[in-house]
């Protein structure tokens, strides 16, 4: 997959250094993945959640952080839309 917006990971990691390792591990896995459908993601990440418009919510670092991406399965593009703490996520509307 082609993951867009790596800068979002970098900026978030500057404020939350403990998230850097898990986010970069997710990034490496995502760039080597070939997700054709939500089921492919669910196989690797059982705790993932799905929203409308191909938005996918990943739990990062034991659910301390949330990573929200939008996946275009047909073009193999993953756009990082948002990263935040679990409590910040609870206040978000997508």
Protein backbone atom coordinates (compact mmCIF):
# COMPACT_ATOMS: atom_id res chain seq x y z
CA UNK A 1 0.00 0.00 0.00
CA UNK A 2 1.11 3.56 -0.63
CA UNK A 3 0.78 5.37 2.71
CA UNK A 4 0.40 9.13 2.36
CA UNK A 5 1.09 11.71 5.05
CA UNK A 6 4.02 10.19 6.92
CA UNK A 7 4.62 13.73 8.18
CA UNK A 8 1.52 13.28 10.37
CA UNK A 9 3.27 10.42 12.18
CA UNK A 10 6.41 12.50 12.57
CA UNK A 11 4.57 15.52 13.98
CA UNK A 12 2.50 13.44 16.39
CA UNK A 13 5.59 11.55 17.57
CA UNK A 14 7.28 14.79 18.51
CA UNK A 15 4.57 15.39 21.12
CA UNK A 16 4.08 11.73 22.06
CA UNK A 17 7.49 10.06 21.82
CA UNK A 18 6.16 6.74 23.11
CA UNK A 19 3.93 6.49 20.02
CA UNK A 20 6.77 6.73 17.50
CA UNK A 21 7.84 3.08 17.56
CA UNK A 22 4.33 1.61 17.28
CA UNK A 23 3.32 4.11 14.58
CA UNK A 24 6.42 3.41 12.52
CA UNK A 25 5.85 -0.34 12.93
CA UNK A 26 2.28 0.13 11.64
CA UNK A 27 3.63 2.24 8.75
CA UNK A 28 6.14 -0.45 7.74
CA UNK A 29 3.47 -3.14 7.84
CA UNK A 30 0.99 -1.02 5.89
CA UNK A 31 3.50 -0.19 3.15
CA UNK A 32 4.17 -3.91 2.65
CA UNK A 33 0.51 -4.91 2.79
CA UNK A 34 -1.83 -5.46 -0.11
CA UNK A 35 -5.29 -4.80 1.31
CA UNK A 36 -8.03 -5.55 -1.19
CA UNK A 37 -10.91 -5.16 1.25
CA UNK A 38 -11.69 -4.42 4.91
CA UNK A 39 -11.57 -8.19 5.54
CA UNK A 40 -7.85 -8.20 4.69
CA UNK A 41 -7.19 -5.55 7.32
CA UNK A 42 -9.35 -7.34 9.89
CA UNK A 43 -7.32 -10.55 9.45
CA UNK A 44 -4.13 -8.78 10.57
CA UNK A 45 -5.70 -6.31 13.02
CA UNK A 46 -8.67 -7.96 14.78
CA UNK A 47 -9.42 -4.90 16.92
CA UNK A 48 -9.66 -2.50 13.96
CA UNK A 49 -12.89 -0.54 13.50
CA UNK A 50 -14.46 0.65 10.28
CA UNK A 51 -16.43 3.80 9.55
CA UNK A 52 -18.17 4.91 6.40
CA UNK A 53 -16.21 6.20 3.42
CA UNK A 54 -13.50 3.53 3.86
CA UNK A 55 -12.23 5.07 7.09
CA UNK A 56 -10.33 2.65 9.32
CA UNK A 57 -9.51 3.12 13.00
CA UNK A 58 -6.39 1.39 14.34
CA UNK A 59 -5.56 1.05 18.03
CA UNK A 60 -1.95 2.04 18.63
CA UNK A 61 0.17 1.22 21.68
CA UNK A 62 -2.39 -0.86 23.53
CA UNK A 63 -5.27 1.44 22.56
CA UNK A 64 -3.61 4.48 24.12
CA UNK A 65 -3.65 6.17 20.71
CA UNK A 66 -5.93 6.01 17.69
CA UNK A 67 -4.85 6.20 14.07
CA UNK A 68 -7.53 7.08 11.53
CA UNK A 69 -6.83 6.37 7.88
CA UNK A 70 -8.84 6.34 4.69
CA UNK A 71 -8.18 3.44 2.34
CA UNK A 72 -8.66 3.47 -1.42
CA UNK A 73 -8.52 -0.28 -2.03
CA UNK A 74 -8.61 -0.06 -5.82
CA UNK A 75 -5.60 2.29 -6.04
CA UNK A 76 -3.80 0.88 -2.98
CA UNK A 77 -3.57 4.27 -1.28
CA UNK A 78 -3.81 4.78 2.47
CA UNK A 79 -4.23 8.38 3.61
CA UNK A 80 -3.45 9.13 7.24
CA UNK A 81 -6.31 11.39 8.30
CA UNK A 82 -5.75 11.81 12.04
CA UNK A 83 -3.73 10.54 15.02
CA UNK A 84 -4.61 11.27 18.61
CA UNK A 85 -5.09 9.95 22.10
CA UNK A 86 -8.00 7.70 22.91
CA UNK A 87 -9.72 10.49 24.85
CA UNK A 88 -9.24 12.95 21.95
CA UNK A 89 -10.75 10.37 19.61
CA UNK A 90 -13.82 10.09 21.82
CA UNK A 91 -14.49 13.80 21.21
CA UNK A 92 -14.01 13.59 17.42
CA UNK A 93 -16.70 13.39 14.80
CA UNK A 94 -15.86 11.89 11.44
